[in-house]
Structures are given as structure tokens and as C-alpha cells.
N, C-alpha and C. Protein backbone atom coordinates (compact mmCIF):
# COMPACT_ATOMS: atom_id res chain seq x y z
N UNK A 1 -0.39 12.63 18.61
CA UNK A 1 -0.48 12.01 17.34
C UNK A 1 0.49 12.79 16.46
N UNK A 2 1.76 12.51 16.64
CA UNK A 2 2.80 13.01 15.79
C UNK A 2 3.62 12.01 15.42
N UNK A 3 3.18 10.60 15.44
CA UNK A 3 3.88 9.68 14.91
C UNK A 3 3.60 9.37 13.55
N UNK A 4 3.35 10.04 12.59
CA UNK A 4 2.90 9.85 11.48
C UNK A 4 3.63 9.01 10.49
N UNK A 5 5.13 9.00 11.11
CA UNK A 5 5.95 7.84 10.23
C UNK A 5 5.63 6.32 10.66
N UNK A 6 5.34 6.21 12.13
CA UNK A 6 4.92 4.79 12.37
C UNK A 6 3.67 4.49 11.62
N UNK A 7 2.66 5.24 11.66
CA UNK A 7 1.44 5.12 10.81
C UNK A 7 1.97 4.63 9.20
N UNK A 8 2.75 5.56 8.68
CA UNK A 8 3.20 5.15 7.42
C UNK A 8 3.63 3.61 7.11
N UNK A 9 4.48 3.46 8.16
CA UNK A 9 5.24 2.22 8.45
C UNK A 9 4.15 1.08 8.41
N UNK A 10 3.37 1.02 9.17
CA UNK A 10 2.37 0.38 9.51
C UNK A 10 1.50 -0.05 7.92
N UNK A 11 1.00 1.10 7.52
CA UNK A 11 0.48 0.88 6.31
C UNK A 11 1.41 0.32 5.19
N UNK A 12 2.50 0.54 4.92
CA UNK A 12 3.48 -0.18 4.26
C UNK A 12 3.34 -1.64 4.43
N UNK A 13 3.51 -2.08 5.66
CA UNK A 13 3.58 -3.19 6.27
C UNK A 13 2.43 -4.14 5.93
N UNK A 14 1.20 -3.56 5.88
CA UNK A 14 -0.17 -4.12 5.63
C UNK A 14 -0.17 -4.43 4.28
N UNK A 15 0.45 -3.53 3.27
CA UNK A 15 0.61 -3.65 1.89
C UNK A 15 1.38 -4.86 1.51
N UNK A 16 2.42 -4.86 2.26
CA UNK A 16 3.47 -6.06 1.95
C UNK A 16 2.87 -7.33 2.18
N UNK A 17 2.11 -7.44 3.46
CA UNK A 17 1.33 -8.69 4.00
C UNK A 17 0.69 -9.23 2.99
N UNK A 18 -0.27 -8.15 2.56
CA UNK A 18 -1.30 -8.33 1.54
C UNK A 18 -0.98 -9.11 0.21
N UNK A 19 0.06 -8.32 -0.01
CA UNK A 19 0.60 -8.48 -1.37
C UNK A 19 1.51 -9.93 -1.46
N UNK A 20 1.96 -10.18 -0.45
CA UNK A 20 2.44 -11.70 -0.32
C UNK A 20 1.70 -12.75 -0.11
N UNK A 21 0.38 -12.47 0.44
CA UNK A 21 -0.66 -13.39 0.42
C UNK A 21 -1.07 -13.60 -0.73
N UNK A 22 -1.36 -12.71 -1.55
CA UNK A 22 -2.14 -12.84 -2.86
C UNK A 22 -1.18 -13.50 -4.01
N UNK A 23 0.34 -13.06 -3.65
CA UNK A 23 1.27 -13.82 -4.52
C UNK A 23 1.48 -15.32 -4.15
N UNK A 24 1.28 -15.75 -3.00
CA UNK A 24 1.19 -17.04 -2.63
C UNK A 24 0.27 -17.80 -2.95
N UNK A 25 -1.01 -17.38 -3.35
CA UNK A 25 -2.20 -17.69 -3.70
C UNK A 25 -3.39 -18.14 -2.84
N UNK A 26 -2.99 -17.45 -1.64
CA UNK A 26 -4.14 -17.59 -0.50
C UNK A 26 -5.43 -16.75 -1.21
N UNK A 27 -6.50 -17.60 -0.99
CA UNK A 27 -7.82 -17.18 -1.48
C UNK A 27 -8.65 -16.54 -0.44
N UNK A 28 -9.06 -15.22 -0.79
CA UNK A 28 -9.68 -14.42 0.03
C UNK A 28 -11.40 -14.71 0.11
N UNK A 29 -11.81 -15.51 -1.15
CA UNK A 29 -12.99 -15.86 -1.39
C UNK A 29 -14.05 -14.66 -1.85
N UNK A 30 -14.89 -14.26 -1.19
CA UNK A 30 -15.71 -12.89 -1.52
C UNK A 30 -15.16 -11.71 -0.89
N UNK A 31 -14.11 -11.77 -0.09
CA UNK A 31 -13.40 -10.50 -0.06
C UNK A 31 -12.23 -10.13 -0.70
N UNK A 32 -12.26 -10.86 -1.89
CA UNK A 32 -11.18 -10.67 -2.93
C UNK A 32 -11.01 -9.18 -3.27
N UNK A 33 -12.21 -8.60 -3.59
CA UNK A 33 -12.24 -7.45 -4.15
C UNK A 33 -11.94 -6.06 -3.11
N UNK A 34 -12.25 -6.42 -2.01
CA UNK A 34 -12.08 -5.63 -0.80
C UNK A 34 -10.38 -5.61 -0.47
N UNK A 35 -9.90 -6.84 -0.89
CA UNK A 35 -8.41 -7.02 -0.56
C UNK A 35 -7.58 -6.30 -1.46
N UNK A 36 -8.06 -6.34 -2.67
CA UNK A 36 -7.44 -5.70 -3.79
C UNK A 36 -7.54 -3.98 -3.55
N UNK A 37 -8.55 -3.70 -3.34
CA UNK A 37 -9.06 -2.09 -3.02
C UNK A 37 -8.12 -1.66 -1.73
N UNK A 38 -8.01 -2.47 -0.95
CA UNK A 38 -7.39 -2.25 0.34
C UNK A 38 -5.88 -2.34 0.15
N UNK A 39 -5.20 -3.17 -0.83
CA UNK A 39 -4.00 -3.05 -1.24
C UNK A 39 -3.57 -1.60 -2.16
N UNK A 40 -4.24 -0.99 -2.58
CA UNK A 40 -4.36 0.33 -3.39
C UNK A 40 -4.64 1.29 -2.38
N UNK A 41 -5.28 1.14 -1.12
CA UNK A 41 -5.56 2.28 -0.41
C UNK A 41 -4.45 2.54 0.69
N UNK A 42 -3.99 1.17 0.87
CA UNK A 42 -2.79 1.27 2.12
C UNK A 42 -1.65 2.20 1.75
N UNK A 43 -0.89 1.96 0.63
CA UNK A 43 0.18 2.70 0.18
C UNK A 43 -0.29 4.19 -0.09
N UNK A 44 -1.46 4.50 -0.36
CA UNK A 44 -1.95 5.76 -0.57
C UNK A 44 -2.13 6.61 0.58
N UNK A 45 -2.49 5.80 1.58
CA UNK A 45 -2.64 6.30 3.19
C UNK A 45 -1.32 6.65 3.63
N UNK A 46 -0.38 5.70 3.21
CA UNK A 46 0.92 5.65 3.87
C UNK A 46 1.47 6.62 3.39
N UNK A 47 1.40 7.14 2.21
CA UNK A 47 2.05 8.21 1.79
C UNK A 47 1.75 9.78 2.07
N UNK A 48 0.26 9.60 2.57
CA UNK A 48 -0.30 10.90 3.18
C UNK A 48 0.42 11.21 4.54
N UNK A 49 0.23 9.77 5.14
CA UNK A 49 0.84 9.95 6.52
C UNK A 49 2.38 10.28 6.66
N UNK A 50 3.04 9.83 5.52
CA UNK A 50 4.53 9.97 5.22
C UNK A 50 4.68 11.56 5.25
N UNK A 51 3.90 12.32 4.26
CA UNK A 51 4.02 13.74 4.15
C UNK A 51 3.98 14.35 5.25
N UNK A 52 3.20 14.07 6.18
CA UNK A 52 2.83 14.64 7.53
C UNK A 52 3.91 14.47 8.54
N UNK A 53 4.99 13.43 8.13
CA UNK A 53 5.58 13.03 9.44
C UNK A 53 6.70 13.96 9.66
N UNK A 54 7.78 13.55 10.51
CA UNK A 54 8.75 14.31 10.91
C UNK A 54 9.54 14.66 9.73
N UNK A 55 10.60 15.66 9.79
CA UNK A 55 11.52 15.88 8.66
C UNK A 55 12.82 14.74 9.01
N UNK A 56 13.40 14.66 8.07
CA UNK A 56 14.51 13.70 7.98
C UNK A 56 14.59 12.68 6.77
N UNK A 57 15.40 12.07 6.84
CA UNK A 57 15.47 10.79 5.60
C UNK A 57 14.60 9.54 5.62
N UNK A 58 14.18 9.22 6.87
CA UNK A 58 13.27 8.44 6.88
C UNK A 58 11.64 8.69 6.42
N UNK A 59 11.45 9.83 6.57
CA UNK A 59 10.18 10.65 6.09
C UNK A 59 10.14 10.45 4.39
N UNK A 60 11.39 10.81 3.81
CA UNK A 60 11.18 10.53 2.47
C UNK A 60 11.51 9.25 2.08
N UNK A 61 12.16 8.37 2.62
CA UNK A 61 12.34 6.79 2.57
C UNK A 61 10.93 6.17 2.52
N UNK A 62 10.04 6.62 3.20
CA UNK A 62 8.68 6.09 3.80
C UNK A 62 7.89 6.33 2.52
N UNK A 63 8.12 7.81 2.27
CA UNK A 63 6.96 8.49 1.08
C UNK A 63 7.60 7.61 -0.50
N UNK A 64 8.74 7.60 -0.75
CA UNK A 64 9.19 7.03 -1.61
C UNK A 64 8.93 5.34 -1.68
N UNK A 65 8.76 4.58 -0.74
CA UNK A 65 8.22 3.35 -0.75
C UNK A 65 7.07 3.10 -1.02
N UNK A 66 6.30 3.92 -0.36
CA UNK A 66 4.73 3.69 -0.55
C UNK A 66 4.32 4.52 -2.06
N UNK A 67 4.96 5.52 -2.49
CA UNK A 67 4.64 5.79 -3.85
C UNK A 67 5.00 4.64 -5.04
N UNK A 68 6.30 4.04 -4.71
CA UNK A 68 6.36 2.71 -5.34
C UNK A 68 5.39 1.63 -5.09
N UNK A 69 5.04 1.36 -4.06
CA UNK A 69 4.02 0.29 -3.77
C UNK A 69 2.72 0.74 -4.41
N UNK A 70 2.35 2.12 -4.38
CA UNK A 70 1.19 2.41 -5.17
C UNK A 70 1.28 2.19 -6.72
N UNK A 71 2.58 2.47 -7.17
CA UNK A 71 2.88 2.40 -8.74
C UNK A 71 2.69 0.90 -9.08
N UNK A 72 3.18 0.08 -8.37
CA UNK A 72 3.21 -1.37 -8.52
C UNK A 72 1.68 -1.94 -8.58
N UNK A 73 1.06 -1.59 -7.40
CA UNK A 73 -0.21 -2.50 -7.43
C UNK A 73 -1.17 -1.71 -8.80
N UNK A 74 -0.76 -0.35 -8.98
CA UNK A 74 -1.72 0.16 -10.08
C UNK A 74 -1.31 -0.61 -11.49
N UNK A 75 -0.15 -0.62 -11.60
CA UNK A 75 0.43 -1.22 -12.76
C UNK A 75 -0.17 -2.81 -12.79
N UNK A 76 -0.24 -3.55 -11.89
CA UNK A 76 -0.54 -4.68 -11.72
C UNK A 76 -2.10 -5.02 -12.24
N UNK A 77 -2.92 -3.73 -11.55
CA UNK A 77 -4.28 -4.02 -11.79
C UNK A 77 -4.54 -3.70 -13.17
N UNK A 78 -3.87 -2.60 -13.69
CA UNK A 78 -3.97 -2.27 -15.30
C UNK A 78 -3.51 -3.48 -16.11
N UNK A 79 -2.75 -4.41 -15.65
CA UNK A 79 -2.31 -5.44 -16.48
C UNK A 79 -3.30 -6.65 -16.40
N UNK A 80 -4.03 -6.95 -15.01
CA UNK A 80 -4.92 -8.08 -15.03
C UNK A 80 -6.36 -7.54 -15.60
N UNK A 81 -6.54 -6.24 -15.77
CA UNK A 81 -8.07 -5.78 -16.43
C UNK A 81 -8.71 -5.45 -15.29
N UNK A 82 -8.52 -5.42 -13.95
CA UNK A 82 -9.18 -5.33 -12.90
C UNK A 82 -9.50 -3.47 -12.98
N UNK A 83 -8.71 -2.96 -13.56
CA UNK A 83 -8.72 -1.35 -13.76
C UNK A 83 -9.85 -0.87 -14.71
N UNK A 84 -10.42 -1.82 -15.44
CA UNK A 84 -11.60 -1.79 -16.28
C UNK A 84 -12.85 -2.03 -15.88
N UNK A 85 -12.85 -2.86 -15.09
CA UNK A 85 -14.21 -3.83 -14.72
C UNK A 85 -14.72 -2.95 -13.62
């Protein structure tokens, strides 16, 4: 299991898919909070996998993209008030 860069890419892809579904107005019903929490956890997990990945530019690119995704969803949660609830 040395393919941590692949797992990091999968986590980033899952975040992008969930983010685009929410932006397009897809209703998750009662699973909405789980979707929001998973949108916060996928980039966090992707950054951890990226840190364990092989050396190179791809490793640092995945770390930066996952951290940017984490900052983005954290900022949007703070703006919407979900961070206080």
C-alpha cells in the first residue's frame, strides 16, 4: 500500500463530486449533514495521504489542492452558519 498519492487523488475527486452536486442543487434529504461532514473530511484525509505519498511535485500538488479544498469548505461552512450549529 504505497500508492498514497492515488488515495489522495480519490479523496480530492470525491470532494469535487460532492461539491459540484451541492452547488447544482441536488438534495441529499436527511443525509445532508453527512454529506457536508464528508466534504470536510475528504480533503483532510487526502492531505494526510498526500503527506505519506512518494516524493515529487505530484505529492506537493495534491497536498496544496487538498488544503485549498479544506480551506474552501471551512470558509463556506463559516459563512453559512453551519460551523456554529
